[in-house]
PDB file of N, CA and C in Angstrom:
ATOM      1  N   UNK A   1      17.072  35.827 -36.166  1.00  0.00           N
ATOM      2  CA  UNK A   1      17.866  36.667 -35.293  1.00  0.00           C
ATOM      3  C   UNK A   1      17.032  37.227 -34.154  1.00  0.00           C
ATOM      4  N   UNK A   2      15.788  37.584 -34.415  1.00  0.00           N
ATOM      5  CA  UNK A   2      14.924  38.141 -33.380  1.00  0.00           C
ATOM      6  C   UNK A   2      14.673  37.125 -32.278  1.00  0.00           C
ATOM      7  N   UNK A   3      14.598  35.843 -32.634  1.00  0.00           N
ATOM      8  CA  UNK A   3      14.381  34.803 -31.632  1.00  0.00           C
ATOM      9  C   UNK A   3      15.559  34.759 -30.661  1.00  0.00           C
ATOM     10  N   UNK A   4      16.783  34.864 -31.177  1.00  0.00           N
ATOM     11  CA  UNK A   4      17.968  34.867 -30.326  1.00  0.00           C
ATOM     12  C   UNK A   4      17.932  36.054 -29.369  1.00  0.00           C
ATOM     13  N   UNK A   5      17.528  37.209 -29.853  1.00  0.00           N
ATOM     14  CA  UNK A   5      17.444  38.390 -29.008  1.00  0.00           C
ATOM     15  C   UNK A   5      16.402  38.207 -27.921  1.00  0.00           C
ATOM     16  N   UNK A   6      15.280  37.585 -28.234  1.00  0.00           N
ATOM     17  CA  UNK A   6      14.246  37.325 -27.236  1.00  0.00           C
ATOM     18  C   UNK A   6      14.781  36.378 -26.170  1.00  0.00           C
ATOM     19  N   UNK A   7      15.516  35.368 -26.587  1.00  0.00           N
ATOM     20  CA  UNK A   7      16.094  34.419 -25.646  1.00  0.00           C
ATOM     21  C   UNK A   7      17.124  35.110 -24.763  1.00  0.00           C
ATOM     22  N   UNK A   8      17.955  35.953 -25.350  1.00  0.00           N
ATOM     23  CA  UNK A   8      18.951  36.697 -24.580  1.00  0.00           C
ATOM     24  C   UNK A   8      18.272  37.637 -23.588  1.00  0.00           C
ATOM     25  N   UNK A   9      17.207  38.298 -24.013  1.00  0.00           N
ATOM     26  CA  UNK A   9      16.470  39.191 -23.119  1.00  0.00           C
ATOM     27  C   UNK A   9      15.864  38.420 -21.952  1.00  0.00           C
ATOM     28  N   UNK A  10      15.315  37.253 -22.231  1.00  0.00           N
ATOM     29  CA  UNK A  10      14.745  36.418 -21.174  1.00  0.00           C
ATOM     30  C   UNK A  10      15.825  36.015 -20.180  1.00  0.00           C
ATOM     31  N   UNK A  11      16.954  35.580 -20.688  1.00  0.00           N
ATOM     32  CA  UNK A  11      18.052  35.158 -19.825  1.00  0.00           C
ATOM     33  C   UNK A  11      18.560  36.317 -18.972  1.00  0.00           C
ATOM     34  N   UNK A  12      18.729  37.484 -19.586  1.00  0.00           N
ATOM     35  CA  UNK A  12      19.183  38.657 -18.828  1.00  0.00           C
ATOM     36  C   UNK A  12      18.214  39.004 -17.704  1.00  0.00           C
ATOM     37  N   UNK A  13      16.923  39.006 -18.001  1.00  0.00           N
ATOM     38  CA  UNK A  13      15.939  39.373 -16.976  1.00  0.00           C
ATOM     39  C   UNK A  13      15.915  38.346 -15.851  1.00  0.00           C
ATOM     40  N   UNK A  14      16.115  37.071 -16.176  1.00  0.00           N
ATOM     41  CA  UNK A  14      16.151  36.037 -15.145  1.00  0.00           C
ATOM     42  C   UNK A  14      17.383  36.196 -14.255  1.00  0.00           C
ATOM     43  N   UNK A  15      18.518  36.536 -14.849  1.00  0.00           N
ATOM     44  CA  UNK A  15      19.746  36.738 -14.065  1.00  0.00           C
ATOM     45  C   UNK A  15      19.575  37.931 -13.134  1.00  0.00           C
ATOM     46  N   UNK A  16      19.032  39.022 -13.661  1.00  0.00           N
ATOM     47  CA  UNK A  16      18.848  40.229 -12.860  1.00  0.00           C
ATOM     48  C   UNK A  16      17.908  39.964 -11.684  1.00  0.00           C
ATOM     49  N   UNK A  17      16.848  39.208 -11.907  1.00  0.00           N
ATOM     50  CA  UNK A  17      15.913  38.928 -10.811  1.00  0.00           C
ATOM     51  C   UNK A  17      16.458  37.881  -9.840  1.00  0.00           C
ATOM     52  N   UNK A  18      17.355  37.020 -10.297  1.00  0.00           N
ATOM     53  CA  UNK A  18      17.893  35.965  -9.426  1.00  0.00           C
ATOM     54  C   UNK A  18      18.974  36.475  -8.477  1.00  0.00           C
ATOM     55  N   UNK A  19      19.659  37.533  -8.843  1.00  0.00           N
ATOM     56  CA  UNK A  19      20.768  38.024  -8.025  1.00  0.00           C
ATOM     57  C   UNK A  19      20.345  38.412  -6.604  1.00  0.00           C
ATOM     58  N   UNK A  20      19.293  39.194  -6.413  1.00  0.00           N
ATOM     59  CA  UNK A  20      18.898  39.530  -5.035  1.00  0.00           C
ATOM     60  C   UNK A  20      18.489  38.294  -4.225  1.00  0.00           C
ATOM     61  N   UNK A  21      17.873  37.335  -4.882  1.00  0.00           N
ATOM     62  CA  UNK A  21      17.489  36.109  -4.191  1.00  0.00           C
ATOM     63  C   UNK A  21      18.721  35.348  -3.731  1.00  0.00           C
ATOM     64  N   UNK A  22      19.703  35.228  -4.577  1.00  0.00           N
ATOM     65  CA  UNK A  22      20.923  34.520  -4.215  1.00  0.00           C
ATOM     66  C   UNK A  22      21.678  35.278  -3.122  1.00  0.00           C
ATOM     67  N   UNK A  23      21.725  36.593  -3.221  1.00  0.00           N
ATOM     68  CA  UNK A  23      22.404  37.398  -2.208  1.00  0.00           C
ATOM     69  C   UNK A  23      21.718  37.292  -0.848  1.00  0.00           C
ATOM     70  N   UNK A  24      20.420  37.051  -0.845  1.00  0.00           N
ATOM     71  CA  UNK A  24      19.677  36.935   0.409  1.00  0.00           C
ATOM     72  C   UNK A  24      20.098  35.705   1.211  1.00  0.00           C
ATOM     73  N   UNK A  25      20.714  34.740   0.569  1.00  0.00           N
ATOM     74  CA  UNK A  25      21.148  33.542   1.290  1.00  0.00           C
ATOM     75  C   UNK A  25      22.361  33.823   2.174  1.00  0.00           C
ATOM     76  N   UNK A  26      22.987  34.959   2.004  1.00  0.00           N
ATOM     77  CA  UNK A  26      24.152  35.306   2.830  1.00  0.00           C
ATOM     78  C   UNK A  26      23.775  35.362   4.311  1.00  0.00           C
ATOM     79  N   UNK A  27      22.511  35.601   4.607  1.00  0.00           N
ATOM     80  CA  UNK A  27      22.063  35.683   5.988  1.00  0.00           C
ATOM     81  C   UNK A  27      21.929  34.332   6.673  1.00  0.00           C
ATOM     82  N   UNK A  28      21.959  33.248   5.922  1.00  0.00           N
ATOM     83  CA  UNK A  28      21.850  31.919   6.516  1.00  0.00           C
ATOM     84  C   UNK A  28      23.193  31.505   7.098  1.00  0.00           C
ATOM     85  N   UNK A  29      23.189  31.125   8.366  1.00  0.00           N
ATOM     86  CA  UNK A  29      24.444  30.693   8.982  1.00  0.00           C
ATOM     87  C   UNK A  29      24.663  29.186   8.805  1.00  0.00           C
ATOM     88  N   UNK A  30      23.589  28.424   8.649  1.00  0.00           N
ATOM     89  CA  UNK A  30      23.697  26.972   8.487  1.00  0.00           C
ATOM     90  C   UNK A  30      23.973  26.662   7.015  1.00  0.00           C
ATOM     91  N   UNK A  31      25.125  26.079   6.729  1.00  0.00           N
ATOM     92  CA  UNK A  31      25.539  25.840   5.351  1.00  0.00           C
ATOM     93  C   UNK A  31      24.616  24.875   4.612  1.00  0.00           C
ATOM     94  N   UNK A  32      24.040  23.906   5.338  1.00  0.00           N
ATOM     95  CA  UNK A  32      23.123  22.967   4.696  1.00  0.00           C
ATOM     96  C   UNK A  32      21.865  23.660   4.205  1.00  0.00           C
ATOM     97  N   UNK A  33      21.315  24.544   5.025  1.00  0.00           N
ATOM     98  CA  UNK A  33      20.119  25.297   4.648  1.00  0.00           C
ATOM     99  C   UNK A  33      20.453  26.232   3.486  1.00  0.00           C
ATOM    100  N   UNK A  34      21.581  26.896   3.602  1.00  0.00           N
ATOM    101  CA  UNK A  34      22.010  27.815   2.540  1.00  0.00           C
ATOM    102  C   UNK A  34      22.167  27.068   1.214  1.00  0.00           C
ATOM    103  N   UNK A  35      22.798  25.905   1.256  1.00  0.00           N
ATOM    104  CA  UNK A  35      22.983  25.118   0.041  1.00  0.00           C
ATOM    105  C   UNK A  35      21.671  24.655  -0.561  1.00  0.00           C
ATOM    106  N   UNK A  36      20.745  24.237   0.296  1.00  0.00           N
ATOM    107  CA  UNK A  36      19.436  23.787  -0.189  1.00  0.00           C
ATOM    108  C   UNK A  36      18.685  24.925  -0.866  1.00  0.00           C
ATOM    109  N   UNK A  37      18.705  26.100  -0.251  1.00  0.00           N
ATOM    110  CA  UNK A  37      18.025  27.256  -0.837  1.00  0.00           C
ATOM    111  C   UNK A  37      18.662  27.623  -2.178  1.00  0.00           C
ATOM    112  N   UNK A  38      19.980  27.608  -2.242  1.00  0.00           N
ATOM    113  CA  UNK A  38      20.653  27.924  -3.507  1.00  0.00           C
ATOM    114  C   UNK A  38      20.332  26.884  -4.584  1.00  0.00           C
ATOM    115  N   UNK A  39      20.256  25.617  -4.209  1.00  0.00           N
ATOM    116  CA  UNK A  39      19.887  24.572  -5.177  1.00  0.00           C
ATOM    117  C   UNK A  39      18.486  24.820  -5.723  1.00  0.00           C
ATOM    118  N   UNK A  40      17.567  25.189  -4.854  1.00  0.00           N
ATOM    119  CA  UNK A  40      16.199  25.479  -5.300  1.00  0.00           C
ATOM    120  C   UNK A  40      16.183  26.678  -6.248  1.00  0.00           C
ATOM    121  N   UNK A  41      16.925  27.717  -5.907  1.00  0.00           N
ATOM    122  CA  UNK A  41      16.983  28.898  -6.769  1.00  0.00           C
ATOM    123  C   UNK A  41      17.570  28.567  -8.135  1.00  0.00           C
ATOM    124  N   UNK A  42      18.615  27.771  -8.155  1.00  0.00           N
ATOM    125  CA  UNK A  42      19.238  27.383  -9.429  1.00  0.00           C
ATOM    126  C   UNK A  42      18.262  26.554 -10.258  1.00  0.00           C
ATOM    127  N   UNK A  43      17.545  25.648  -9.597  1.00  0.00           N
ATOM    128  CA  UNK A  43      16.544  24.844 -10.304  1.00  0.00           C
ATOM    129  C   UNK A  43      15.459  25.711 -10.912  1.00  0.00           C
ATOM    130  N   UNK A  44      14.982  26.690 -10.146  1.00  0.00           N
ATOM    131  CA  UNK A  44      13.950  27.596 -10.645  1.00  0.00           C
ATOM    132  C   UNK A  44      14.480  28.446 -11.801  1.00  0.00           C
ATOM    133  N   UNK A  45      15.760  28.742 -11.765  1.00  0.00           N
ATOM    134  CA  UNK A  45      16.365  29.557 -12.812  1.00  0.00           C
ATOM    135  C   UNK A  45      16.478  28.795 -14.132  1.00  0.00           C
ATOM    136  N   UNK A  46      16.997  27.569 -14.066  1.00  0.00           N
ATOM    137  CA  UNK A  46      17.304  26.831 -15.295  1.00  0.00           C
ATOM    138  C   UNK A  46      16.157  26.023 -15.871  1.00  0.00           C
ATOM    139  N   UNK A  47      15.262  25.520 -15.054  1.00  0.00           N
ATOM    140  CA  UNK A  47      14.214  24.625 -15.546  1.00  0.00           C
ATOM    141  C   UNK A  47      13.399  25.229 -16.687  1.00  0.00           C
ATOM    142  N   UNK A  48      12.881  26.447 -16.560  1.00  0.00           N
ATOM    143  CA  UNK A  48      12.104  26.998 -17.691  1.00  0.00           C
ATOM    144  C   UNK A  48      12.933  27.184 -18.957  1.00  0.00           C
ATOM    145  N   UNK A  49      14.205  27.481 -18.806  1.00  0.00           N
ATOM    146  CA  UNK A  49      15.069  27.660 -19.975  1.00  0.00           C
ATOM    147  C   UNK A  49      15.320  26.342 -20.678  1.00  0.00           C
ATOM    148  N   UNK A  50      15.478  25.269 -19.920  1.00  0.00           N
ATOM    149  CA  UNK A  50      15.712  23.954 -20.519  1.00  0.00           C
ATOM    150  C   UNK A  50      14.475  23.442 -21.215  1.00  0.00           C
ATOM    151  N   UNK A  51      13.331  23.646 -20.614  1.00  0.00           N
ATOM    152  CA  UNK A  51      12.068  23.202 -21.226  1.00  0.00           C
ATOM    153  C   UNK A  51      11.821  23.981 -22.509  1.00  0.00           C
ATOM    154  N   UNK A  52      12.075  25.289 -22.497  1.00  0.00           N
ATOM    155  CA  UNK A  52      11.848  26.121 -23.680  1.00  0.00           C
ATOM    156  C   UNK A  52      12.767  25.725 -24.835  1.00  0.00           C
ATOM    157  N   UNK A  53      13.989  25.282 -24.511  1.00  0.00           N
ATOM    158  CA  UNK A  53      14.918  24.947 -25.578  1.00  0.00           C
ATOM    159  C   UNK A  53      14.628  23.586 -26.208  1.00  0.00           C
ATOM    160  N   UNK A  54      13.794  22.774 -25.564  1.00  0.00           N
ATOM    161  CA  UNK A  54      13.460  21.457 -26.103  1.00  0.00           C
ATOM    162  C   UNK A  54      12.278  21.504 -27.059  1.00  0.00           C
ATOM    163  N   UNK A  55      11.607  22.626 -27.179  1.00  0.00           N
ATOM    164  CA  UNK A  55      10.417  22.716 -28.043  1.00  0.00           C
ATOM    165  C   UNK A  55      10.791  22.919 -29.475  1.00  0.00           C
TER     166      UNK A  55
END
């Protein structure tokens, strides 16, 4: 059970830190640039979680 709580805590902290980064893309007027930045942010968000779950 403690492992699940640690995973939930990690996920919560990642979501909280990702929100300001995602909101910062609102300033981009070019949709292609905005989309690329959001794709990079999503990749940075999920990649460590996927690698951790495969161990």
